[in-house]
Amino acid sequence: MRTTGADRTEGLPDARLLGKGLAGLRIFVGIIFFANGLAKLFSFRNIEIGPYSSFLINREEARSILQGEAAKNELPVIPGLVNDVLLPNFVWLQWVITFVELGVGALLIVGLLSRGAALVGFGQQIFLQLLYLSSGRWMFEQPHEWVPLLILLLVPAGRVWGLDRRFAHRRKGRFPF
């Protein structure tokens, strides 16, 4: 028995609905990046809204994470990279990290150059995955950060509720739109 195209798509969600779901994911990941960038920019950590209490990672804590995790890391390259390159240059590197997070966050929130922003964020998160790799953390400590970015890198999610829609046709849908 032969199936038609209509038979294969029956019961599948509408493409526009999937686009909205990916846009929601894109915006959520963007908010995470942007909020952490703001914490670094304005040097705050703690968030308290009524009974809700949490924290973001500021510049000081980012440095502390690099130092602490590099000390536990058993990979051949990561401790040297952190201790010999990143930490000695942290005076200016902290600002690069801050503006990368603000930029990636803002671009993902508004859906502009979404796939390019996801690529930059993915690079940062994969580095952190490697940094945490041998430190005995919860198995999914980092994948929940980089897997959504990988999805956003592969799928043009800035075309729904985003500015990529305005520019994608000019580039014939190519990267980074």
N, C-alpha and C. Protein backbone atom coordinates (compact mmCIF):
# COMPACT_ATOMS: atom_id res chain seq x y z
N MET A 1 0.84 -1.17 0.00
CA MET A 1 0.00 0.00 0.00
C MET A 1 0.89 1.24 0.00
N ARG A 2 0.56 2.13 -0.83
CA ARG A 2 1.34 3.34 -1.01
C ARG A 2 0.71 4.49 -0.22
N THR A 3 1.59 5.28 0.49
CA THR A 3 1.06 6.41 1.25
C THR A 3 1.34 7.70 0.48
N THR A 4 0.45 8.63 0.67
CA THR A 4 0.63 9.93 0.01
C THR A 4 1.31 10.89 0.97
N GLY A 5 1.72 12.03 0.47
CA GLY A 5 2.35 13.05 1.30
C GLY A 5 1.42 13.49 2.42
N ALA A 6 0.13 13.60 2.11
CA ALA A 6 -0.84 14.01 3.12
C ALA A 6 -0.92 12.99 4.24
N ASP A 7 -0.83 11.69 3.90
CA ASP A 7 -0.88 10.65 4.92
C ASP A 7 0.31 10.75 5.87
N ARG A 8 1.49 11.08 5.34
CA ARG A 8 2.70 11.14 6.16
C ARG A 8 2.68 12.34 7.10
N THR A 9 1.98 13.41 6.77
CA THR A 9 1.98 14.60 7.61
C THR A 9 0.75 14.69 8.51
N GLU A 10 -0.16 13.77 8.36
CA GLU A 10 -1.36 13.79 9.18
C GLU A 10 -0.98 13.60 10.65
N GLY A 11 -1.48 14.47 11.48
CA GLY A 11 -1.20 14.38 12.91
C GLY A 11 0.06 15.12 13.34
N LEU A 12 0.84 15.59 12.39
CA LEU A 12 2.03 16.36 12.75
C LEU A 12 1.63 17.80 13.02
N PRO A 13 2.35 18.48 13.93
CA PRO A 13 2.02 19.88 14.19
C PRO A 13 2.32 20.76 12.98
N ASP A 14 1.60 21.84 12.89
CA ASP A 14 1.78 22.82 11.83
C ASP A 14 3.18 23.44 11.94
N ALA A 15 3.80 23.75 10.81
CA ALA A 15 5.14 24.34 10.79
C ALA A 15 5.17 25.65 11.56
N ARG A 16 4.12 26.42 11.47
CA ARG A 16 4.07 27.71 12.19
C ARG A 16 4.07 27.48 13.70
N LEU A 17 3.38 26.45 14.15
CA LEU A 17 3.36 26.10 15.57
C LEU A 17 4.74 25.67 16.04
N LEU A 18 5.42 24.89 15.23
CA LEU A 18 6.79 24.49 15.56
C LEU A 18 7.71 25.72 15.59
N GLY A 19 7.52 26.63 14.66
CA GLY A 19 8.29 27.87 14.64
C GLY A 19 8.10 28.68 15.90
N LYS A 20 6.87 28.73 16.39
CA LYS A 20 6.59 29.46 17.63
C LYS A 20 7.28 28.78 18.82
N GLY A 21 7.27 27.46 18.82
CA GLY A 21 7.96 26.73 19.89
C GLY A 21 9.45 27.00 19.89
N LEU A 22 10.06 26.98 18.70
CA LEU A 22 11.49 27.28 18.60
C LEU A 22 11.77 28.74 18.94
N ALA A 23 10.87 29.64 18.58
CA ALA A 23 11.03 31.05 18.94
C ALA A 23 10.99 31.20 20.46
N GLY A 24 10.10 30.48 21.11
CA GLY A 24 10.04 30.51 22.57
C GLY A 24 11.34 30.01 23.19
N LEU A 25 11.89 28.94 22.64
CA LEU A 25 13.17 28.42 23.11
C LEU A 25 14.27 29.45 22.89
N ARG A 26 14.29 30.06 21.71
CA ARG A 26 15.30 31.08 21.38
C ARG A 26 15.23 32.25 22.34
N ILE A 27 14.06 32.74 22.61
CA ILE A 27 13.88 33.88 23.51
C ILE A 27 14.29 33.51 24.93
N PHE A 28 13.92 32.33 25.38
CA PHE A 28 14.27 31.88 26.73
C PHE A 28 15.78 31.78 26.89
N VAL A 29 16.47 31.16 25.94
CA VAL A 29 17.93 31.05 26.00
C VAL A 29 18.55 32.45 25.93
N GLY A 30 17.98 33.32 25.13
CA GLY A 30 18.47 34.70 25.05
C GLY A 30 18.35 35.42 26.38
N ILE A 31 17.24 35.22 27.08
CA ILE A 31 17.05 35.85 28.39
C ILE A 31 18.11 35.35 29.38
N ILE A 32 18.42 34.07 29.33
CA ILE A 32 19.45 33.51 30.22
C ILE A 32 20.79 34.18 29.96
N PHE A 33 21.19 34.25 28.70
CA PHE A 33 22.46 34.89 28.36
C PHE A 33 22.46 36.36 28.76
N PHE A 34 21.39 37.07 28.41
CA PHE A 34 21.33 38.50 28.66
C PHE A 34 21.35 38.79 30.16
N ALA A 35 20.61 38.02 30.94
CA ALA A 35 20.59 38.22 32.40
C ALA A 35 21.97 38.00 33.01
N ASN A 36 22.67 36.96 32.58
CA ASN A 36 24.02 36.73 33.10
C ASN A 36 24.97 37.84 32.65
N GLY A 37 24.79 38.36 31.45
CA GLY A 37 25.59 39.49 30.99
C GLY A 37 25.32 40.74 31.83
N LEU A 38 24.05 40.99 32.16
CA LEU A 38 23.72 42.13 33.02
C LEU A 38 24.34 41.98 34.40
N ALA A 39 24.32 40.76 34.94
CA ALA A 39 24.94 40.52 36.26
C ALA A 39 26.43 40.84 36.22
N LYS A 40 27.07 40.50 35.12
CA LYS A 40 28.50 40.81 34.97
C LYS A 40 28.72 42.31 34.76
N LEU A 41 27.89 42.93 33.96
CA LEU A 41 28.04 44.35 33.66
C LEU A 41 27.86 45.21 34.91
N PHE A 42 26.84 44.91 35.70
CA PHE A 42 26.51 45.72 36.86
C PHE A 42 26.98 45.11 38.18
N SER A 43 27.75 44.03 38.11
CA SER A 43 28.36 43.39 39.29
C SER A 43 27.34 43.05 40.39
N PHE A 44 26.29 42.37 40.01
CA PHE A 44 25.36 41.86 41.02
C PHE A 44 25.24 40.36 40.85
N ARG A 45 24.77 39.69 41.88
CA ARG A 45 24.67 38.24 41.85
C ARG A 45 23.28 37.77 42.28
N ASN A 46 22.82 38.24 43.41
CA ASN A 46 21.60 37.73 44.02
C ASN A 46 20.34 38.37 43.44
N ILE A 47 19.33 37.53 43.27
CA ILE A 47 18.02 37.95 42.78
C ILE A 47 17.00 37.54 43.85
N GLU A 48 16.25 38.51 44.33
CA GLU A 48 15.20 38.21 45.31
C GLU A 48 13.93 38.95 44.91
N ILE A 49 12.90 38.18 44.61
CA ILE A 49 11.60 38.74 44.24
C ILE A 49 10.58 38.05 45.13
N GLY A 50 10.13 38.76 46.16
CA GLY A 50 9.24 38.14 47.13
C GLY A 50 9.92 36.93 47.76
N PRO A 51 9.25 35.78 47.75
CA PRO A 51 9.88 34.60 48.35
C PRO A 51 10.91 33.92 47.43
N TYR A 52 10.96 34.36 46.19
CA TYR A 52 11.89 33.76 45.23
C TYR A 52 13.29 34.31 45.46
N SER A 53 14.25 33.41 45.59
CA SER A 53 15.64 33.82 45.80
C SER A 53 16.54 32.94 44.93
N SER A 54 17.40 33.58 44.16
CA SER A 54 18.30 32.84 43.27
C SER A 54 19.53 33.69 43.01
N PHE A 55 20.33 33.29 42.01
CA PHE A 55 21.53 34.06 41.71
C PHE A 55 21.88 33.94 40.23
N LEU A 56 22.71 34.88 39.77
CA LEU A 56 23.28 34.87 38.44
C LEU A 56 24.80 34.86 38.60
N ILE A 57 25.51 34.63 37.53
CA ILE A 57 26.97 34.55 37.61
C ILE A 57 27.56 35.89 37.18
N ASN A 58 28.17 36.57 38.15
CA ASN A 58 28.82 37.86 37.87
C ASN A 58 30.28 37.63 37.48
N ARG A 59 31.02 38.71 37.25
CA ARG A 59 32.41 38.59 36.79
C ARG A 59 33.29 37.89 37.83
N GLU A 60 33.14 38.27 39.08
CA GLU A 60 33.95 37.66 40.15
C GLU A 60 33.71 36.15 40.22
N GLU A 61 32.46 35.76 40.14
CA GLU A 61 32.15 34.34 40.20
C GLU A 61 32.62 33.60 38.95
N ALA A 62 32.57 34.27 37.80
CA ALA A 62 33.08 33.64 36.57
C ALA A 62 34.56 33.32 36.73
N ARG A 63 35.31 34.25 37.28
CA ARG A 63 36.74 34.01 37.53
C ARG A 63 36.93 32.85 38.51
N SER A 64 36.14 32.85 39.56
CA SER A 64 36.23 31.79 40.56
C SER A 64 35.90 30.42 39.96
N ILE A 65 34.90 30.39 39.10
CA ILE A 65 34.54 29.13 38.43
C ILE A 65 35.70 28.65 37.56
N LEU A 66 36.28 29.54 36.79
CA LEU A 66 37.42 29.17 35.95
C LEU A 66 38.55 28.59 36.80
N GLN A 67 38.91 29.27 37.89
CA GLN A 67 39.99 28.80 38.75
C GLN A 67 39.67 27.45 39.37
N GLY A 68 38.51 27.35 39.97
CA GLY A 68 38.13 26.13 40.68
C GLY A 68 38.00 24.92 39.77
N GLU A 69 37.35 25.13 38.64
CA GLU A 69 37.14 24.00 37.73
C GLU A 69 38.43 23.58 37.03
N ALA A 70 39.29 24.54 36.71
CA ALA A 70 40.57 24.19 36.08
C ALA A 70 41.43 23.35 37.03
N ALA A 71 41.33 23.64 38.32
CA ALA A 71 42.11 22.88 39.31
C ALA A 71 41.66 21.42 39.37
N LYS A 72 40.39 21.14 39.05
CA LYS A 72 39.87 19.77 39.09
C LYS A 72 39.94 19.07 37.74
N ASN A 73 40.19 19.84 36.68
CA ASN A 73 40.09 19.30 35.32
C ASN A 73 41.31 18.44 34.99
N GLU A 74 41.05 17.27 34.41
CA GLU A 74 42.11 16.32 34.08
C GLU A 74 42.40 16.24 32.58
N LEU A 75 41.75 17.06 31.78
CA LEU A 75 42.03 17.05 30.35
C LEU A 75 43.40 17.66 30.09
N PRO A 76 44.06 17.26 29.02
CA PRO A 76 45.43 17.75 28.80
C PRO A 76 45.55 19.24 28.47
N VAL A 77 44.55 19.86 27.88
CA VAL A 77 44.69 21.23 27.39
C VAL A 77 43.99 22.26 28.28
N ILE A 78 42.87 21.92 28.85
CA ILE A 78 42.01 22.89 29.53
C ILE A 78 42.69 23.60 30.71
N PRO A 79 43.31 22.89 31.66
CA PRO A 79 43.94 23.61 32.78
C PRO A 79 45.00 24.60 32.33
N GLY A 80 45.82 24.23 31.37
CA GLY A 80 46.84 25.15 30.85
C GLY A 80 46.22 26.35 30.19
N LEU A 81 45.19 26.15 29.39
CA LEU A 81 44.50 27.25 28.72
C LEU A 81 43.93 28.23 29.75
N VAL A 82 43.28 27.69 30.76
CA VAL A 82 42.67 28.55 31.79
C VAL A 82 43.75 29.26 32.60
N ASN A 83 44.71 28.49 33.12
CA ASN A 83 45.72 29.06 34.04
C ASN A 83 46.77 29.92 33.35
N ASP A 84 47.11 29.58 32.11
CA ASP A 84 48.19 30.30 31.43
C ASP A 84 47.70 31.40 30.47
N VAL A 85 46.44 31.31 30.03
CA VAL A 85 45.94 32.28 29.05
C VAL A 85 44.76 33.08 29.60
N LEU A 86 43.71 32.40 30.04
CA LEU A 86 42.48 33.10 30.42
C LEU A 86 42.62 33.89 31.71
N LEU A 87 43.07 33.23 32.78
CA LEU A 87 43.14 33.92 34.07
C LEU A 87 44.14 35.09 34.08
N PRO A 88 45.33 34.95 33.49
CA PRO A 88 46.24 36.10 33.48
C PRO A 88 45.70 37.29 32.67
N ASN A 89 44.77 37.03 31.79
CA ASN A 89 44.18 38.09 30.96
C ASN A 89 42.74 38.42 31.35
N PHE A 90 42.35 38.02 32.55
CA PHE A 90 40.96 38.17 32.95
C PHE A 90 40.54 39.63 33.12
N VAL A 91 41.48 40.52 33.33
CA VAL A 91 41.15 41.94 33.48
C VAL A 91 40.37 42.44 32.27
N TRP A 92 40.78 42.08 31.08
CA TRP A 92 40.04 42.48 29.88
C TRP A 92 39.11 41.38 29.38
N LEU A 93 39.46 40.13 29.64
CA LEU A 93 38.63 39.01 29.19
C LEU A 93 37.26 39.00 29.86
N GLN A 94 37.19 39.45 31.11
CA GLN A 94 35.90 39.51 31.80
C GLN A 94 34.91 40.38 31.04
N TRP A 95 35.43 41.42 30.38
CA TRP A 95 34.55 42.31 29.61
C TRP A 95 34.16 41.68 28.28
N VAL A 96 35.04 40.90 27.71
CA VAL A 96 34.69 40.15 26.49
C VAL A 96 33.56 39.18 26.81
N ILE A 97 33.71 38.44 27.90
CA ILE A 97 32.67 37.49 28.31
C ILE A 97 31.35 38.23 28.55
N THR A 98 31.43 39.35 29.24
CA THR A 98 30.22 40.15 29.55
C THR A 98 29.50 40.57 28.28
N PHE A 99 30.24 41.14 27.33
CA PHE A 99 29.60 41.65 26.12
C PHE A 99 29.21 40.54 25.15
N VAL A 100 29.89 39.41 25.21
CA VAL A 100 29.45 38.25 24.43
C VAL A 100 28.09 37.79 24.94
N GLU A 101 27.96 37.69 26.26
CA GLU A 101 26.68 37.24 26.83
C GLU A 101 25.56 38.25 26.55
N LEU A 102 25.87 39.53 26.69
CA LEU A 102 24.85 40.55 26.39
C LEU A 102 24.47 40.51 24.91
N GLY A 103 25.48 40.40 24.04
CA GLY A 103 25.22 40.38 22.60
C GLY A 103 24.46 39.15 22.15
N VAL A 104 24.92 37.98 22.59
CA VAL A 104 24.23 36.73 22.24
C VAL A 104 22.80 36.79 22.76
N GLY A 105 22.64 37.21 24.00
CA GLY A 105 21.30 37.29 24.59
C GLY A 105 20.39 38.22 23.83
N ALA A 106 20.88 39.43 23.54
CA ALA A 106 20.04 40.41 22.83
C ALA A 106 19.67 39.92 21.44
N LEU A 107 20.65 39.36 20.72
CA LEU A 107 20.37 38.87 19.36
C LEU A 107 19.35 37.72 19.38
N LEU A 108 19.47 36.83 20.35
CA LEU A 108 18.50 35.73 20.43
C LEU A 108 17.12 36.23 20.82
N ILE A 109 17.06 37.18 21.73
CA ILE A 109 15.76 37.71 22.15
C ILE A 109 15.03 38.35 20.98
N VAL A 110 15.72 39.17 20.20
CA VAL A 110 15.05 39.85 19.08
C VAL A 110 15.05 39.03 17.80
N GLY A 111 15.76 37.91 17.80
CA GLY A 111 15.76 37.04 16.63
C GLY A 111 16.52 37.60 15.46
N LEU A 112 17.65 38.24 15.72
CA LEU A 112 18.49 38.81 14.66
C LEU A 112 19.82 38.05 14.63
N LEU A 113 20.20 37.58 13.46
CA LEU A 113 21.41 36.75 13.31
C LEU A 113 21.37 35.59 14.31
N SER A 114 20.20 35.00 14.44
CA SER A 114 19.95 34.00 15.47
C SER A 114 20.91 32.83 15.43
N ARG A 115 21.14 32.31 14.25
CA ARG A 115 22.02 31.14 14.16
C ARG A 115 23.47 31.52 14.45
N GLY A 116 23.88 32.70 14.06
CA GLY A 116 25.22 33.18 14.38
C GLY A 116 25.39 33.39 15.88
N ALA A 117 24.38 33.99 16.51
CA ALA A 117 24.40 34.18 17.96
C ALA A 117 24.43 32.83 18.68
N ALA A 118 23.65 31.88 18.18
CA ALA A 118 23.64 30.55 18.78
C ALA A 118 25.01 29.89 18.65
N LEU A 119 25.69 30.11 17.53
CA LEU A 119 27.03 29.55 17.33
C LEU A 119 28.01 30.10 18.37
N VAL A 120 27.99 31.40 18.60
CA VAL A 120 28.88 32.02 19.59
C VAL A 120 28.56 31.49 20.99
N GLY A 121 27.28 31.46 21.33
CA GLY A 121 26.87 30.93 22.63
C GLY A 121 27.23 29.47 22.78
N PHE A 122 27.07 28.71 21.71
CA PHE A 122 27.42 27.28 21.71
C PHE A 122 28.91 27.11 21.99
N GLY A 123 29.74 27.94 21.38
CA GLY A 123 31.18 27.86 21.62
C GLY A 123 31.52 28.09 23.08
N GLN A 124 30.88 29.09 23.68
CA GLN A 124 31.12 29.37 25.10
C GLN A 124 30.68 28.19 25.96
N GLN A 125 29.52 27.64 25.66
CA GLN A 125 29.00 26.56 26.48
C GLN A 125 29.76 25.24 26.29
N ILE A 126 30.25 24.99 25.10
CA ILE A 126 31.07 23.79 24.89
C ILE A 126 32.38 23.91 25.66
N PHE A 127 32.95 25.12 25.68
CA PHE A 127 34.16 25.32 26.50
C PHE A 127 33.85 25.00 27.96
N LEU A 128 32.71 25.49 28.47
CA LEU A 128 32.36 25.19 29.86
C LEU A 128 32.11 23.70 30.06
N GLN A 129 31.53 23.04 29.07
CA GLN A 129 31.35 21.59 29.15
C GLN A 129 32.70 20.90 29.33
N LEU A 130 33.68 21.30 28.54
CA LEU A 130 35.02 20.72 28.66
C LEU A 130 35.66 21.08 30.00
N LEU A 131 35.42 22.29 30.48
CA LEU A 131 35.96 22.71 31.77
C LEU A 131 35.39 21.86 32.90
N TYR A 132 34.08 21.57 32.85
CA TYR A 132 33.43 20.79 33.90
C TYR A 132 33.55 19.28 33.71
N LEU A 133 34.09 18.85 32.59
CA LEU A 133 34.04 17.45 32.18
C LEU A 133 34.51 16.46 33.25
N SER A 134 35.60 16.74 33.90
CA SER A 134 36.14 15.76 34.85
C SER A 134 35.98 16.19 36.30
N SER A 135 35.03 17.06 36.58
CA SER A 135 34.90 17.56 37.95
C SER A 135 33.80 16.87 38.76
N GLY A 136 33.26 15.81 38.23
CA GLY A 136 32.28 15.03 39.00
C GLY A 136 30.95 15.74 39.20
N ARG A 137 30.55 16.55 38.28
CA ARG A 137 29.27 17.26 38.37
C ARG A 137 28.12 16.37 37.90
N TRP A 138 26.91 16.88 38.12
CA TRP A 138 25.71 16.23 37.63
C TRP A 138 25.86 16.02 36.12
N MET A 139 25.49 14.87 35.64
CA MET A 139 25.72 14.48 34.25
C MET A 139 25.20 15.51 33.24
N PHE A 140 24.08 16.14 33.55
CA PHE A 140 23.47 17.06 32.59
C PHE A 140 23.71 18.53 32.97
N GLU A 141 24.74 18.78 33.78
CA GLU A 141 25.06 20.14 34.22
C GLU A 141 25.23 21.09 33.03
N GLN A 142 25.95 20.69 32.01
CA GLN A 142 26.18 21.56 30.88
C GLN A 142 25.35 21.24 29.63
N PRO A 143 25.03 19.99 29.35
CA PRO A 143 24.24 19.75 28.13
C PRO A 143 22.94 20.54 28.07
N HIS A 144 22.33 20.82 29.21
CA HIS A 144 21.08 21.60 29.15
C HIS A 144 21.36 23.05 28.75
N GLU A 145 22.62 23.45 28.73
CA GLU A 145 23.00 24.77 28.24
C GLU A 145 23.33 24.75 26.75
N TRP A 146 24.08 23.74 26.29
CA TRP A 146 24.53 23.77 24.89
C TRP A 146 23.61 23.05 23.92
N VAL A 147 22.81 22.10 24.37
CA VAL A 147 21.91 21.40 23.44
C VAL A 147 20.88 22.36 22.84
N PRO A 148 20.22 23.23 23.63
CA PRO A 148 19.31 24.19 23.00
C PRO A 148 20.02 25.11 22.01
N LEU A 149 21.25 25.48 22.31
CA LEU A 149 22.01 26.33 21.39
C LEU A 149 22.34 25.58 20.10
N LEU A 150 22.63 24.29 20.21
CA LEU A 150 22.88 23.48 19.02
C LEU A 150 21.62 23.43 18.15
N ILE A 151 20.48 23.24 18.78
CA ILE A 151 19.21 23.23 18.04
C ILE A 151 19.00 24.58 17.34
N LEU A 152 19.24 25.67 18.07
CA LEU A 152 19.06 27.01 17.50
C LEU A 152 20.08 27.30 16.41
N LEU A 153 21.23 26.68 16.49
CA LEU A 153 22.26 26.82 15.45
C LEU A 153 21.82 26.11 14.17
N LEU A 154 21.20 24.96 14.31
CA LEU A 154 20.83 24.14 13.16
C LEU A 154 19.51 24.57 12.51
N VAL A 155 18.61 25.14 13.30
CA VAL A 155 17.27 25.47 12.82
C VAL A 155 17.12 26.99 12.80
N PRO A 156 16.70 27.56 11.70
CA PRO A 156 16.53 29.02 11.63
C PRO A 156 15.33 29.49 12.46
N ALA A 157 15.54 29.68 13.76
CA ALA A 157 14.46 29.99 14.68
C ALA A 157 14.16 31.48 14.81
N GLY A 158 14.89 32.32 14.12
CA GLY A 158 14.66 33.76 14.22
C GLY A 158 13.64 34.29 13.24
N ARG A 159 13.00 33.41 12.49
CA ARG A 159 12.05 33.85 11.47
C ARG A 159 10.63 33.99 11.99
N VAL A 160 10.37 33.41 13.15
CA VAL A 160 9.09 33.58 13.81
C VAL A 160 9.37 34.43 15.06
N TRP A 161 8.63 35.50 15.22
CA TRP A 161 8.81 36.45 16.33
C TRP A 161 10.24 36.99 16.35
N GLY A 162 10.85 37.13 15.19
CA GLY A 162 12.22 37.64 15.15
C GLY A 162 12.50 38.47 13.91
N LEU A 163 13.61 39.18 13.97
CA LEU A 163 13.99 40.06 12.86
C LEU A 163 14.65 39.32 11.70
N ASP A 164 15.07 38.10 11.92
CA ASP A 164 15.69 37.33 10.83
C ASP A 164 14.75 37.20 9.63
N ARG A 165 13.49 37.20 9.87
CA ARG A 165 12.50 37.06 8.80
C ARG A 165 12.66 38.16 7.75
N ARG A 166 13.00 39.36 8.23
CA ARG A 166 13.16 40.50 7.32
C ARG A 166 14.39 40.39 6.43
N PHE A 167 15.42 39.68 6.90
CA PHE A 167 16.68 39.62 6.18
C PHE A 167 16.96 38.28 5.52
N ALA A 168 16.27 37.24 5.92
CA ALA A 168 16.56 35.89 5.42
C ALA A 168 16.36 35.79 3.91
N HIS A 169 15.35 36.46 3.37
CA HIS A 169 15.09 36.35 1.92
C HIS A 169 16.24 36.94 1.11
N ARG A 170 16.91 37.97 1.63
CA ARG A 170 18.04 38.58 0.91
C ARG A 170 19.22 37.63 0.81
N ARG A 171 19.38 36.79 1.82
CA ARG A 171 20.49 35.84 1.85
C ARG A 171 20.04 34.45 1.43
N LYS A 172 18.83 34.37 0.89
CA LYS A 172 18.25 33.11 0.47
C LYS A 172 18.24 32.07 1.60
N GLY A 173 18.03 32.57 2.83
CA GLY A 173 17.91 31.70 3.97
C GLY A 173 19.20 31.12 4.50
N ARG A 174 20.33 31.59 3.98
CA ARG A 174 21.61 31.04 4.41
C ARG A 174 22.00 31.55 5.79
N PHE A 175 22.98 30.87 6.37
CA PHE A 175 23.56 31.22 7.65
C PHE A 175 23.99 32.68 7.63
N PRO A 176 23.81 33.46 8.63
CA PRO A 176 23.40 33.18 10.01
C PRO A 176 21.92 33.42 10.28
N PHE A 177 21.10 33.55 9.21
CA PHE A 177 19.66 33.84 9.41
C PHE A 177 18.83 32.61 9.52
